[in-house]
Amino acid sequence: MGPALEEEPDDVDAELKEEDEEDDEEEEDEEQKENDVQTTIQELQAAFGPYTPEAGWSILPTLASSQEAFDQMDLKKYFSADKKGAFLWDDGWDTGTYKSSMKAKGSYEHFFYYNTTKEQWSYELDLGTYGCGKSWVVLKRDKGKRKVEYTAT
């Protein structure tokens, strides 16, 4: 019985050390992913430049004071008919219409529909990547600039 008790603390210490190493690896992986995202954004910005809104639209300078405050916003109400999102893709900027949000695995997924591709895509919408010189912005239609379509008769 004596030797088994002496070995048990070593097993516990080994397990704790292994868990600490796994936590460190996860943190390093998260840091690497964040660095990769920033590098990708910089590369795409170099290729396509900052977002420039089309006539009749303006970029909202800020959405919330913090990520937590943004996550608590009711985006269904926020994204009315006079707002849309613009996102930086591998082939340039494109605009999408907000559709819905859902919380999954502790973070929020926000869904936008793109008329250009007839597809819906989801984003986590990190405020750290918000801005015309980054990877996404929210556009607001200028007052009095309603879209009017005419058809030839």
N, C-alpha and C. Protein backbone atom coordinates (compact mmCIF):
# COMPACT_ATOMS: atom_id res chain seq x y z
N MET A 1 0.81 -1.20 0.00
CA MET A 1 0.00 0.00 0.00
C MET A 1 0.85 1.25 0.00
N GLY A 2 1.93 1.25 0.68
CA GLY A 2 2.80 2.42 0.75
C GLY A 2 3.27 2.89 -0.61
N PRO A 3 3.82 2.00 -1.47
CA PRO A 3 4.32 2.46 -2.75
C PRO A 3 3.23 3.01 -3.66
N ALA A 4 2.03 2.44 -3.61
CA ALA A 4 0.94 2.93 -4.45
C ALA A 4 0.58 4.36 -4.09
N LEU A 5 0.58 4.66 -2.81
CA LEU A 5 0.26 6.02 -2.37
C LEU A 5 1.35 6.99 -2.81
N GLU A 6 2.57 6.54 -2.80
CA GLU A 6 3.66 7.42 -3.23
C GLU A 6 3.59 7.69 -4.72
N GLU A 7 3.13 6.73 -5.52
CA GLU A 7 3.06 6.92 -6.97
C GLU A 7 1.88 7.79 -7.37
N GLU A 8 0.82 7.78 -6.60
CA GLU A 8 -0.37 8.52 -6.96
C GLU A 8 -0.10 10.02 -7.15
N PRO A 9 0.62 10.67 -6.21
CA PRO A 9 0.89 12.09 -6.43
C PRO A 9 1.66 12.34 -7.72
N ASP A 10 2.58 11.45 -8.09
CA ASP A 10 3.30 11.62 -9.34
C ASP A 10 2.34 11.56 -10.53
N ASP A 11 1.36 10.64 -10.48
CA ASP A 11 0.37 10.53 -11.54
C ASP A 11 -0.46 11.81 -11.64
N VAL A 12 -0.87 12.31 -10.48
CA VAL A 12 -1.65 13.54 -10.45
C VAL A 12 -0.82 14.70 -10.99
N ASP A 13 0.42 14.80 -10.56
CA ASP A 13 1.31 15.85 -11.04
C ASP A 13 1.50 15.75 -12.56
N ALA A 14 1.66 14.54 -13.05
CA ALA A 14 1.85 14.33 -14.49
C ALA A 14 0.59 14.76 -15.25
N GLU A 15 -0.57 14.41 -14.72
CA GLU A 15 -1.83 14.81 -15.37
C GLU A 15 -1.99 16.32 -15.38
N LEU A 16 -1.69 16.97 -14.25
CA LEU A 16 -1.79 18.42 -14.17
C LEU A 16 -0.81 19.09 -15.13
N LYS A 17 0.41 18.54 -15.20
CA LYS A 17 1.41 19.10 -16.11
C LYS A 17 0.94 18.95 -17.56
N GLU A 18 0.36 17.79 -17.88
CA GLU A 18 -0.15 17.55 -19.24
C GLU A 18 -1.29 18.51 -19.56
N GLU A 19 -2.20 18.74 -18.60
CA GLU A 19 -3.30 19.68 -18.82
C GLU A 19 -2.77 21.09 -19.02
N ASP A 20 -1.76 21.50 -18.23
CA ASP A 20 -1.16 22.82 -18.39
C ASP A 20 -0.53 22.97 -19.77
N GLU A 21 0.15 21.92 -20.23
CA GLU A 21 0.77 21.95 -21.55
C GLU A 21 -0.29 22.06 -22.64
N GLU A 22 -1.40 21.34 -22.48
CA GLU A 22 -2.50 21.42 -23.45
C GLU A 22 -3.10 22.82 -23.46
N ASP A 23 -3.29 23.42 -22.28
CA ASP A 23 -3.80 24.79 -22.20
C ASP A 23 -2.86 25.76 -22.88
N ASP A 24 -1.55 25.60 -22.64
CA ASP A 24 -0.56 26.46 -23.28
C ASP A 24 -0.61 26.32 -24.80
N GLU A 25 -0.74 25.08 -25.29
CA GLU A 25 -0.83 24.85 -26.73
C GLU A 25 -2.09 25.49 -27.31
N GLU A 26 -3.22 25.40 -26.60
CA GLU A 26 -4.46 26.02 -27.06
C GLU A 26 -4.31 27.53 -27.13
N GLU A 27 -3.67 28.13 -26.10
CA GLU A 27 -3.45 29.56 -26.10
C GLU A 27 -2.55 29.97 -27.26
N GLU A 28 -1.49 29.19 -27.52
CA GLU A 28 -0.59 29.48 -28.64
C GLU A 28 -1.34 29.36 -29.96
N ASP A 29 -2.21 28.33 -30.09
CA ASP A 29 -3.00 28.16 -31.30
C ASP A 29 -3.91 29.36 -31.52
N GLU A 30 -4.56 29.84 -30.45
CA GLU A 30 -5.44 31.00 -30.55
C GLU A 30 -4.66 32.25 -30.96
N GLU A 31 -3.48 32.43 -30.36
CA GLU A 31 -2.64 33.57 -30.72
C GLU A 31 -2.21 33.48 -32.18
N GLN A 32 -1.84 32.27 -32.63
CA GLN A 32 -1.44 32.09 -34.02
C GLN A 32 -2.59 32.38 -34.97
N LYS A 33 -3.80 31.90 -34.62
CA LYS A 33 -4.98 32.18 -35.44
C LYS A 33 -5.22 33.68 -35.54
N GLU A 34 -5.13 34.38 -34.41
CA GLU A 34 -5.33 35.83 -34.39
C GLU A 34 -4.28 36.52 -35.27
N ASN A 35 -3.02 36.09 -35.16
CA ASN A 35 -1.96 36.65 -36.01
C ASN A 35 -2.22 36.36 -37.48
N ASP A 36 -2.69 35.14 -37.79
CA ASP A 36 -3.01 34.78 -39.17
C ASP A 36 -4.14 35.64 -39.72
N VAL A 37 -5.17 35.87 -38.89
CA VAL A 37 -6.30 36.71 -39.31
C VAL A 37 -5.80 38.12 -39.60
N GLN A 38 -4.99 38.69 -38.71
CA GLN A 38 -4.48 40.04 -38.92
C GLN A 38 -3.61 40.12 -40.16
N THR A 39 -2.78 39.09 -40.39
CA THR A 39 -1.95 39.06 -41.59
C THR A 39 -2.83 38.99 -42.83
N THR A 40 -3.84 38.14 -42.81
CA THR A 40 -4.74 38.01 -43.95
C THR A 40 -5.45 39.33 -44.23
N ILE A 41 -5.95 39.98 -43.19
CA ILE A 41 -6.63 41.26 -43.37
C ILE A 41 -5.66 42.27 -43.99
N GLN A 42 -4.44 42.32 -43.49
CA GLN A 42 -3.45 43.25 -44.04
C GLN A 42 -3.16 42.96 -45.51
N GLU A 43 -3.04 41.68 -45.85
CA GLU A 43 -2.79 41.30 -47.24
C GLU A 43 -3.97 41.69 -48.13
N LEU A 44 -5.18 41.43 -47.67
CA LEU A 44 -6.37 41.78 -48.45
C LEU A 44 -6.52 43.30 -48.57
N GLN A 45 -6.22 44.02 -47.49
CA GLN A 45 -6.28 45.47 -47.55
C GLN A 45 -5.26 46.01 -48.55
N ALA A 46 -4.08 45.39 -48.59
CA ALA A 46 -3.05 45.82 -49.55
C ALA A 46 -3.53 45.57 -50.97
N ALA A 47 -4.26 44.49 -51.18
CA ALA A 47 -4.74 44.15 -52.52
C ALA A 47 -5.95 44.98 -52.95
N PHE A 48 -6.90 45.23 -52.01
CA PHE A 48 -8.17 45.85 -52.39
C PHE A 48 -8.42 47.22 -51.78
N GLY A 49 -7.61 47.60 -50.81
CA GLY A 49 -7.77 48.91 -50.19
C GLY A 49 -8.93 48.98 -49.21
N PRO A 50 -9.05 50.12 -48.54
CA PRO A 50 -10.14 50.30 -47.59
C PRO A 50 -11.48 50.39 -48.32
N TYR A 51 -12.55 50.11 -47.61
CA TYR A 51 -13.87 50.14 -48.21
C TYR A 51 -14.29 51.57 -48.51
N THR A 52 -14.84 51.78 -49.68
CA THR A 52 -15.40 53.07 -50.07
C THR A 52 -16.87 52.83 -50.39
N PRO A 53 -17.77 53.47 -49.65
CA PRO A 53 -19.19 53.23 -49.89
C PRO A 53 -19.67 53.83 -51.21
N GLU A 54 -20.68 53.17 -51.78
CA GLU A 54 -21.27 53.70 -53.00
C GLU A 54 -22.05 54.96 -52.65
N ALA A 55 -22.38 55.76 -53.65
CA ALA A 55 -23.12 57.01 -53.44
C ALA A 55 -24.43 56.72 -52.71
N GLY A 56 -24.74 57.58 -51.75
CA GLY A 56 -25.98 57.43 -50.99
C GLY A 56 -25.84 56.61 -49.72
N TRP A 57 -24.64 56.12 -49.44
CA TRP A 57 -24.39 55.31 -48.24
C TRP A 57 -23.21 55.88 -47.46
N SER A 58 -23.25 55.74 -46.14
CA SER A 58 -22.17 56.18 -45.26
C SER A 58 -21.76 55.05 -44.33
N ILE A 59 -20.50 55.04 -43.93
CA ILE A 59 -20.00 54.04 -42.99
C ILE A 59 -20.25 54.54 -41.57
N LEU A 60 -20.83 53.70 -40.74
CA LEU A 60 -21.02 54.06 -39.34
C LEU A 60 -19.67 53.95 -38.63
N PRO A 61 -19.25 55.00 -37.92
CA PRO A 61 -17.92 55.00 -37.31
C PRO A 61 -17.76 54.00 -36.17
N THR A 62 -18.79 53.77 -35.38
CA THR A 62 -18.69 52.83 -34.27
C THR A 62 -20.05 52.20 -34.02
N LEU A 63 -20.03 51.00 -33.51
CA LEU A 63 -21.28 50.29 -33.26
C LEU A 63 -21.59 50.16 -31.78
N ALA A 64 -20.58 50.00 -30.96
CA ALA A 64 -20.76 49.80 -29.53
C ALA A 64 -19.47 50.14 -28.81
N SER A 65 -19.57 50.35 -27.51
CA SER A 65 -18.39 50.72 -26.72
C SER A 65 -17.48 49.54 -26.43
N SER A 66 -18.01 48.31 -26.56
CA SER A 66 -17.21 47.11 -26.30
C SER A 66 -17.81 45.93 -27.04
N GLN A 67 -17.04 44.85 -27.14
CA GLN A 67 -17.55 43.63 -27.77
C GLN A 67 -18.75 43.09 -26.99
N GLU A 68 -18.66 43.17 -25.67
CA GLU A 68 -19.77 42.68 -24.84
C GLU A 68 -21.05 43.47 -25.11
N ALA A 69 -20.93 44.79 -25.20
CA ALA A 69 -22.10 45.63 -25.50
C ALA A 69 -22.65 45.30 -26.89
N PHE A 70 -21.76 45.09 -27.85
CA PHE A 70 -22.20 44.74 -29.21
C PHE A 70 -22.93 43.39 -29.21
N ASP A 71 -22.39 42.41 -28.48
CA ASP A 71 -23.02 41.09 -28.43
C ASP A 71 -24.42 41.14 -27.82
N GLN A 72 -24.69 42.15 -27.00
CA GLN A 72 -26.00 42.28 -26.37
C GLN A 72 -27.00 43.05 -27.23
N MET A 73 -26.53 43.65 -28.32
CA MET A 73 -27.43 44.42 -29.18
C MET A 73 -28.42 43.51 -29.90
N ASP A 74 -29.62 44.02 -30.12
CA ASP A 74 -30.62 43.31 -30.92
C ASP A 74 -30.39 43.71 -32.38
N LEU A 75 -29.59 42.91 -33.08
CA LEU A 75 -29.22 43.28 -34.44
C LEU A 75 -30.40 43.22 -35.41
N LYS A 76 -31.40 42.44 -35.09
CA LYS A 76 -32.60 42.39 -35.95
C LYS A 76 -33.23 43.78 -36.02
N LYS A 77 -33.29 44.47 -34.88
CA LYS A 77 -33.82 45.84 -34.86
C LYS A 77 -32.80 46.84 -35.40
N TYR A 78 -31.53 46.60 -35.09
CA TYR A 78 -30.47 47.53 -35.49
C TYR A 78 -30.34 47.59 -37.02
N PHE A 79 -30.33 46.43 -37.66
CA PHE A 79 -30.18 46.39 -39.12
C PHE A 79 -31.54 46.53 -39.77
N SER A 80 -32.02 47.74 -39.83
CA SER A 80 -33.29 48.00 -40.49
C SER A 80 -33.04 48.07 -42.00
N ALA A 81 -34.05 48.45 -42.73
CA ALA A 81 -33.94 48.49 -44.20
C ALA A 81 -32.89 49.48 -44.68
N ASP A 82 -32.48 50.41 -43.82
CA ASP A 82 -31.52 51.42 -44.26
C ASP A 82 -30.08 51.10 -43.87
N LYS A 83 -29.80 49.84 -43.46
CA LYS A 83 -28.44 49.45 -43.11
C LYS A 83 -28.07 48.12 -43.76
N LYS A 84 -26.78 47.94 -44.02
CA LYS A 84 -26.27 46.67 -44.53
C LYS A 84 -24.81 46.55 -44.13
N GLY A 85 -24.26 45.37 -44.26
CA GLY A 85 -22.86 45.14 -43.93
C GLY A 85 -22.01 45.03 -45.18
N ALA A 86 -20.77 45.46 -45.09
CA ALA A 86 -19.80 45.29 -46.17
C ALA A 86 -18.64 44.49 -45.58
N PHE A 87 -18.21 43.45 -46.31
CA PHE A 87 -17.20 42.53 -45.81
C PHE A 87 -16.10 42.34 -46.84
N LEU A 88 -14.87 42.22 -46.33
CA LEU A 88 -13.70 42.02 -47.18
C LEU A 88 -13.51 40.52 -47.42
N TRP A 89 -13.56 40.13 -48.68
CA TRP A 89 -13.40 38.73 -49.10
C TRP A 89 -12.06 38.56 -49.81
N ASP A 90 -11.78 37.33 -50.16
CA ASP A 90 -10.54 37.04 -50.91
C ASP A 90 -10.52 37.73 -52.27
N ASP A 91 -11.69 38.07 -52.80
CA ASP A 91 -11.75 38.73 -54.11
C ASP A 91 -12.25 40.17 -54.03
N GLY A 92 -12.21 40.76 -52.84
CA GLY A 92 -12.60 42.16 -52.69
C GLY A 92 -13.77 42.35 -51.73
N TRP A 93 -14.29 43.56 -51.70
CA TRP A 93 -15.39 43.92 -50.82
C TRP A 93 -16.73 43.54 -51.44
N ASP A 94 -17.68 43.14 -50.59
CA ASP A 94 -19.04 42.87 -51.05
C ASP A 94 -20.00 43.22 -49.91
N THR A 95 -21.22 43.58 -50.26
CA THR A 95 -22.21 43.96 -49.25
C THR A 95 -23.26 42.87 -49.09
N GLY A 96 -23.73 42.73 -47.85
CA GLY A 96 -24.74 41.74 -47.53
C GLY A 96 -25.82 42.34 -46.63
N THR A 97 -26.99 41.74 -46.68
CA THR A 97 -28.13 42.14 -45.88
C THR A 97 -28.21 41.25 -44.65
N TYR A 98 -28.34 41.86 -43.47
CA TYR A 98 -28.44 41.09 -42.23
C TYR A 98 -29.72 40.26 -42.24
N LYS A 99 -29.60 38.99 -41.79
CA LYS A 99 -30.75 38.09 -41.73
C LYS A 99 -31.06 37.63 -40.31
N SER A 100 -30.06 37.15 -39.56
CA SER A 100 -30.34 36.63 -38.23
C SER A 100 -29.04 36.45 -37.44
N SER A 101 -29.20 36.12 -36.15
CA SER A 101 -28.08 35.83 -35.27
C SER A 101 -28.42 34.63 -34.41
N MET A 102 -27.40 33.92 -33.98
CA MET A 102 -27.60 32.84 -33.02
C MET A 102 -26.34 32.69 -32.18
N LYS A 103 -26.54 32.25 -30.94
CA LYS A 103 -25.40 32.04 -30.06
C LYS A 103 -25.04 30.57 -30.12
N ALA A 104 -23.76 30.32 -30.41
CA ALA A 104 -23.27 28.94 -30.51
C ALA A 104 -21.88 28.86 -29.90
N LYS A 105 -21.70 27.91 -29.01
CA LYS A 105 -20.40 27.68 -28.38
C LYS A 105 -19.83 28.95 -27.74
N GLY A 106 -20.69 29.72 -27.09
CA GLY A 106 -20.25 30.89 -26.36
C GLY A 106 -20.02 32.14 -27.19
N SER A 107 -20.18 32.06 -28.49
CA SER A 107 -20.03 33.25 -29.31
C SER A 107 -21.25 33.39 -30.22
N TYR A 108 -21.39 34.55 -30.82
CA TYR A 108 -22.53 34.83 -31.67
C TYR A 108 -22.16 34.67 -33.13
N GLU A 109 -23.03 34.03 -33.88
CA GLU A 109 -22.90 33.95 -35.33
C GLU A 109 -23.97 34.85 -35.93
N HIS A 110 -23.58 35.69 -36.87
CA HIS A 110 -24.49 36.63 -37.52
C HIS A 110 -24.53 36.29 -39.01
N PHE A 111 -25.73 36.17 -39.54
CA PHE A 111 -25.92 35.72 -40.91
C PHE A 111 -26.30 36.87 -41.83
N PHE A 112 -25.61 36.93 -42.98
CA PHE A 112 -25.85 37.95 -43.98
C PHE A 112 -26.09 37.29 -45.33
N TYR A 113 -27.01 37.87 -46.10
CA TYR A 113 -27.34 37.34 -47.43
C TYR A 113 -26.73 38.26 -48.49
N TYR A 114 -26.12 37.64 -49.50
CA TYR A 114 -25.47 38.38 -50.58
C TYR A 114 -26.26 38.21 -51.88
N ASN A 115 -26.75 39.32 -52.42
CA ASN A 115 -27.46 39.26 -53.70
C ASN A 115 -26.53 38.84 -54.84
N THR A 116 -25.26 39.21 -54.75
CA THR A 116 -24.32 38.92 -55.84
C THR A 116 -24.12 37.42 -56.03
N THR A 117 -24.14 36.66 -54.94
CA THR A 117 -23.90 35.21 -55.04
C THR A 117 -25.14 34.38 -54.70
N LYS A 118 -26.20 35.07 -54.22
CA LYS A 118 -27.43 34.37 -53.79
C LYS A 118 -27.13 33.36 -52.69
N GLU A 119 -26.19 33.73 -51.79
CA GLU A 119 -25.80 32.85 -50.69
C GLU A 119 -25.85 33.61 -49.37
N GLN A 120 -25.98 32.85 -48.30
CA GLN A 120 -25.95 33.41 -46.95
C GLN A 120 -24.68 32.93 -46.26
N TRP A 121 -23.98 33.85 -45.59
CA TRP A 121 -22.74 33.53 -44.89
C TRP A 121 -22.85 34.02 -43.45
N SER A 122 -22.10 33.37 -42.56
CA SER A 122 -22.13 33.78 -41.15
C SER A 122 -20.77 34.31 -40.72
N TYR A 123 -20.82 35.20 -39.73
CA TYR A 123 -19.63 35.85 -39.20
C TYR A 123 -19.75 35.96 -37.69
N GLU A 124 -18.59 36.04 -37.01
CA GLU A 124 -18.60 36.30 -35.57
C GLU A 124 -18.61 37.80 -35.28
N LEU A 125 -18.28 38.64 -36.21
CA LEU A 125 -18.30 40.09 -36.08
C LEU A 125 -17.53 40.60 -34.86
N ASP A 126 -16.24 40.48 -34.93
CA ASP A 126 -15.34 40.97 -33.89
C ASP A 126 -15.13 42.47 -34.10
N LEU A 127 -15.41 43.27 -33.08
CA LEU A 127 -15.23 44.72 -33.21
C LEU A 127 -13.77 45.10 -33.46
N GLY A 128 -12.84 44.22 -33.11
CA GLY A 128 -11.42 44.48 -33.37
C GLY A 128 -11.09 44.50 -34.86
N THR A 129 -11.96 43.94 -35.68
CA THR A 129 -11.74 43.93 -37.13
C THR A 129 -12.71 44.85 -37.87
N TYR A 130 -13.38 45.74 -37.11
CA TYR A 130 -14.35 46.67 -37.70
C TYR A 130 -13.68 47.94 -38.18
N GLY A 131 -14.02 48.38 -39.38
CA GLY A 131 -13.54 49.65 -39.91
C GLY A 131 -13.22 49.53 -41.39
N CYS A 132 -13.29 50.66 -42.11
CA CYS A 132 -13.06 50.62 -43.56
C CYS A 132 -11.65 50.17 -43.91
N GLY A 133 -10.71 50.29 -42.98
CA GLY A 133 -9.35 49.83 -43.20
C GLY A 133 -9.10 48.45 -42.62
N LYS A 134 -10.18 47.77 -42.26
CA LYS A 134 -10.05 46.43 -41.68
C LYS A 134 -10.85 45.44 -42.51
N SER A 135 -11.78 44.66 -41.88
CA SER A 135 -12.44 43.62 -42.68
C SER A 135 -13.96 43.70 -42.77
N TRP A 136 -14.61 44.61 -42.03
CA TRP A 136 -16.05 44.75 -42.18
C TRP A 136 -16.51 46.10 -41.66
N VAL A 137 -17.62 46.57 -42.21
CA VAL A 137 -18.23 47.84 -41.79
C VAL A 137 -19.74 47.70 -41.89
N VAL A 138 -20.43 48.61 -41.22
CA VAL A 138 -21.89 48.72 -41.37
C VAL A 138 -22.16 50.01 -42.13
N LEU A 139 -23.02 49.91 -43.12
CA LEU A 139 -23.39 51.05 -43.94
C LEU A 139 -24.80 51.50 -43.59
N LYS A 140 -25.00 52.80 -43.63
CA LYS A 140 -26.33 53.36 -43.41
C LYS A 140 -26.68 54.21 -44.62
N ARG A 141 -27.88 54.00 -45.13
CA ARG A 141 -28.34 54.79 -46.27
C ARG A 141 -28.50 56.25 -45.82
N ASP A 142 -27.97 57.16 -46.63
CA ASP A 142 -28.11 58.58 -46.33
C ASP A 142 -29.58 58.97 -46.42
N LYS A 143 -30.00 59.86 -45.54
CA LYS A 143 -31.40 60.30 -45.55
C LYS A 143 -31.76 60.90 -46.90
N GLY A 144 -32.95 60.55 -47.37
CA GLY A 144 -33.43 61.07 -48.64
C GLY A 144 -32.82 60.39 -49.85
N LYS A 145 -32.07 59.31 -49.64
CA LYS A 145 -31.40 58.63 -50.76
C LYS A 145 -32.01 57.24 -50.97
N ARG A 146 -33.29 57.13 -51.02
CA ARG A 146 -33.95 55.84 -51.25
C ARG A 146 -33.63 55.34 -52.64
N LYS A 147 -33.46 54.05 -52.72
CA LYS A 147 -33.16 53.42 -54.01
C LYS A 147 -34.45 53.41 -54.85
N VAL A 148 -34.35 53.94 -56.03
CA VAL A 148 -35.49 53.97 -56.94
C VAL A 148 -35.09 53.26 -58.23
N GLU A 149 -35.88 52.31 -58.64
CA GLU A 149 -35.61 51.61 -59.88
C GLU A 149 -36.69 51.95 -60.90
N TYR A 150 -36.28 52.27 -62.10
CA TYR A 150 -37.21 52.59 -63.16
C TYR A 150 -37.14 51.49 -64.21
N THR A 151 -38.25 51.20 -64.80
CA THR A 151 -38.25 50.25 -65.90
C THR A 151 -38.69 50.97 -67.17
N ALA A 152 -38.09 50.59 -68.26
CA ALA A 152 -38.42 51.22 -69.54
C ALA A 152 -39.80 50.74 -69.99
N THR A 153 -40.58 51.66 -70.53
CA THR A 153 -41.90 51.28 -71.03
C THR A 153 -42.04 51.54 -72.49
